[in-house]
Protein backbone atom coordinates (compact mmCIF):
# COMPACT_ATOMS: atom_id res chain seq x y z
CA UNK A 1 85.90 139.69 112.82
CA UNK A 2 85.05 136.51 111.05
CA UNK A 3 87.53 134.44 111.26
CA UNK A 4 87.47 132.05 108.03
CA UNK A 5 89.89 128.65 107.41
CA UNK A 6 90.50 128.56 103.71
CA UNK A 7 91.39 125.06 102.56
CA UNK A 8 92.00 122.37 99.86
CA UNK A 9 92.02 118.78 101.29
CA UNK A 10 92.05 115.59 100.14
CA UNK A 11 89.61 112.85 100.90
CA UNK A 12 92.02 111.32 103.71
CA UNK A 13 92.35 114.90 105.21
CA UNK A 14 95.72 115.72 103.50
CA UNK A 15 96.43 119.12 102.72
CA UNK A 16 100.22 119.22 102.23
CA UNK A 17 102.96 116.85 101.48
CA UNK A 18 106.81 117.98 102.91
CA UNK A 19 106.06 121.69 102.62
CA UNK A 20 103.98 121.60 99.67
CA UNK A 21 100.82 121.20 98.49
CA UNK A 22 100.42 117.58 97.15
CA UNK A 23 100.19 116.32 93.82
CA UNK A 24 96.91 117.99 92.65
CA UNK A 25 96.53 120.62 90.17
CA UNK A 26 93.29 122.45 90.38
CA UNK A 27 93.46 125.86 88.66
CA UNK A 28 89.89 126.91 89.73
CA UNK A 29 90.75 126.17 93.34
CA UNK A 30 93.74 128.64 93.41
CA UNK A 31 91.68 131.09 91.25
CA UNK A 32 89.53 130.98 94.26
CA UNK A 33 92.05 131.33 96.75
CA UNK A 34 93.50 134.08 95.25
CA UNK A 35 90.10 136.12 94.55
CA UNK A 36 88.56 135.31 97.97
CA UNK A 37 91.99 136.51 99.77
CA UNK A 38 93.01 139.07 98.01
CA UNK A 39 92.31 142.66 100.30
CA UNK A 40 92.36 140.59 103.25
CA UNK A 41 94.51 139.86 106.09
CA UNK A 42 96.00 136.00 106.15
CA UNK A 43 97.01 133.92 109.44
CA UNK A 44 99.48 131.03 108.66
CA UNK A 45 101.86 129.15 110.40
CA UNK A 46 105.89 129.75 109.42
CA UNK A 47 106.13 126.22 107.15
CA UNK A 48 102.91 127.33 105.17
CA UNK A 49 104.29 131.22 104.60
CA UNK A 50 108.00 129.24 103.37
CA UNK A 51 106.23 127.47 101.21
CA UNK A 52 105.95 130.91 99.06
CA UNK A 53 109.25 130.64 98.05
CA UNK A 54 110.27 133.48 100.03
CA UNK A 55 108.13 135.86 98.30
CA UNK A 56 104.99 137.52 99.65
CA UNK A 57 101.35 137.27 98.15
CA UNK A 58 100.41 140.27 96.32
CA UNK A 59 97.67 142.81 97.76
CA UNK A 60 97.51 140.61 101.23
CA UNK A 61 98.47 141.32 105.04
CA UNK A 62 100.47 138.62 106.39
CA UNK A 63 100.64 137.11 109.91
CA UNK A 64 102.88 134.79 110.23
CA UNK A 65 103.05 132.51 113.63
CA UNK A 66 106.49 131.09 114.55
CA UNK A 67 108.19 130.10 117.97
CA UNK A 68 111.10 132.99 117.04
CA UNK A 69 109.02 135.99 115.66
CA UNK A 70 112.31 138.17 116.54
CA UNK A 71 114.42 135.95 113.82
CA UNK A 72 112.59 136.77 110.89
CA UNK A 73 113.35 139.95 109.15
CA UNK A 74 111.17 139.93 106.07
CA UNK A 75 111.30 142.81 103.56
CA UNK A 76 107.99 142.92 101.95
CA UNK A 77 106.42 145.16 99.72
CA UNK A 78 104.24 148.22 100.91
CA UNK A 79 101.12 146.58 99.55
CA UNK A 80 101.73 143.13 101.14
CA UNK A 81 102.97 143.62 104.45
CA UNK A 82 104.18 140.58 106.56
CA UNK A 83 104.41 140.63 110.30
CA UNK A 84 105.94 137.57 112.44
CA UNK A 85 103.84 137.04 115.71
CA UNK A 86 104.73 133.81 118.49
CA UNK A 87 100.94 132.54 119.29
CA UNK A 88 97.38 132.08 117.20
CA UNK A 89 95.79 134.64 119.71
CA UNK A 90 98.56 137.54 119.14
CA UNK A 91 97.65 136.85 115.32
CA UNK A 92 93.98 137.16 116.11
CA UNK A 93 94.69 140.52 118.13
CA UNK A 94 96.98 141.97 115.28
CA UNK A 95 94.55 141.21 112.87
CA UNK A 96 91.46 142.58 114.70
CA UNK A 97 93.48 145.63 114.62
CA UNK A 98 93.61 145.74 110.90
CA UNK A 99 89.90 145.01 110.06
CA UNK A 100 88.75 148.68 108.72
CA UNK A 101 91.66 148.62 106.58
CA UNK A 102 91.96 145.18 105.24
CA UNK A 103 88.14 143.75 105.86
CA UNK A 104 86.22 141.90 108.21
CA UNK A 105 87.14 138.36 107.38
CA UNK A 106 90.65 137.37 108.29
CA UNK A 107 91.30 133.78 106.81
CA UNK A 108 94.02 130.91 108.26
CA UNK A 109 95.60 129.61 105.60
CA UNK A 110 97.34 126.80 107.11
CA UNK A 111 98.93 124.50 108.50
CA UNK A 112 97.70 121.55 109.66
CA UNK A 113 98.52 122.47 113.32
CA UNK A 114 97.05 126.42 113.29
CA UNK A 115 93.75 125.04 111.64
CA UNK A 116 93.84 122.67 114.40
CA UNK A 117 94.74 124.95 117.30
CA UNK A 118 91.90 127.16 116.17
CA UNK A 119 89.00 124.50 116.06
CA UNK A 120 90.10 123.41 119.31
CA UNK A 121 90.03 126.54 120.44
CA UNK A 122 86.21 127.61 118.97
CA UNK A 123 87.54 130.82 117.42
CA UNK A 124 86.81 129.48 113.87
CA UNK A 125 83.69 131.25 112.31
CA UNK A 126 83.45 129.99 108.69
CA UNK A 127 84.91 127.33 106.67
CA UNK A 128 85.85 127.28 102.82
CA UNK A 129 86.77 123.49 102.19
CA UNK A 130 87.88 122.54 98.86
CA UNK A 131 86.91 118.71 99.10
CA UNK A 132 89.05 116.53 96.38
CA UNK A 133 87.34 113.44 95.55
CA UNK A 134 90.78 111.48 96.06
CA UNK A 135 93.28 110.52 98.52
CA UNK A 136 96.77 111.80 97.88
CA UNK A 137 99.77 110.91 99.93
CA UNK A 138 101.15 113.97 102.48
CA UNK A 139 102.20 114.10 105.78
CA UNK A 140 99.97 117.57 107.09
CA UNK A 141 96.22 117.07 107.24
CA UNK A 142 93.07 119.10 107.95
CA UNK A 143 91.07 118.50 111.27
CA UNK A 144 87.38 116.35 110.94
CA UNK A 145 84.63 119.47 111.11
CA UNK A 146 82.56 119.07 113.80
CA UNK A 147 78.85 119.15 112.32
CA UNK A 148 77.35 120.21 116.05
CA UNK A 149 79.25 123.12 115.71
CA UNK A 150 79.39 123.79 111.94
CA UNK A 151 76.73 123.15 109.23
CA UNK A 152 76.98 122.90 105.02
CA UNK A 153 75.62 126.50 103.66
CA UNK A 154 76.74 125.84 100.05
CA UNK A 155 78.15 123.24 98.03
CA UNK A 156 79.32 123.56 94.55
CA UNK A 157 80.13 120.06 92.97
CA UNK A 158 82.91 120.13 89.46
CA UNK A 159 84.25 117.13 87.68
CA UNK A 160 87.69 118.28 85.89
CA UNK A 161 90.21 118.10 86.41
CA UNK A 162 89.82 115.93 88.88
CA UNK A 163 86.20 115.77 91.10
CA UNK A 164 86.05 117.84 94.04
CA UNK A 165 83.51 119.89 95.62
CA UNK A 166 84.06 123.83 96.73
CA UNK A 167 81.92 123.49 100.75
CA UNK A 168 81.40 126.19 103.22
CA UNK A 169 80.29 125.95 106.38
CA UNK A 170 79.51 128.62 108.88
CA UNK A 171 79.14 128.19 112.60
CA UNK A 172 75.50 127.38 114.01
CA UNK A 173 75.69 129.75 116.83
CA UNK A 174 76.52 132.83 114.95
CA UNK A 175 75.26 135.06 112.60
CA UNK A 176 77.29 135.89 109.52
CA UNK A 177 76.78 138.06 106.91
C-alpha cells in the first residue's frame, strides 16, 4: 500500500477556513484531485467529510476518522462506500484490506490533524502538494515537509488563475511505482 497525501496549501500553509477551502478557486487543482482520487480509498477526518455537504464523493471509498464512529449511520451509494473508524491506525488497517479492489494508492485528504499525525507517525509515502503562491486567511494548516525524509520528484508551475505549482514528493527511503 502507498499512503499518499493530496492537498492544496497556501504560501502560509493554510488549507482550510471555517470548515471549507480558503478563498481560492483553482479549477485545474480540483480536476487533479478528482482525477487522481477517483477509484481509490480516501482517508479523512470527520470535519473534512462534513465539508462535502452530506454527500459522498462519487466512485471513491471513504474512511472517516472520528472519536465517535458508532454515532454515524451514513447511507452512501454502493459505488461510494463510507465507513467510520476511531483512529488513523484503524483507517490504515481497513484501507490495506481494500487495495485489491480500490488500488494500492490510498489518499489522505485532510484535515490538518490527520496530515500531521500521519507524518509524525512516519506513515506517509508520497505527497501531492498544490502549492499556491499567495497567503490566505484560514484556521487549518498543512505541516512542513521534512526534506530529509522526502524529496521533490516532480514540479509543474501554473500562472492562471493565480500562480501555483503542482509538486510531488516521495520518501527517500522507499521505492514507489
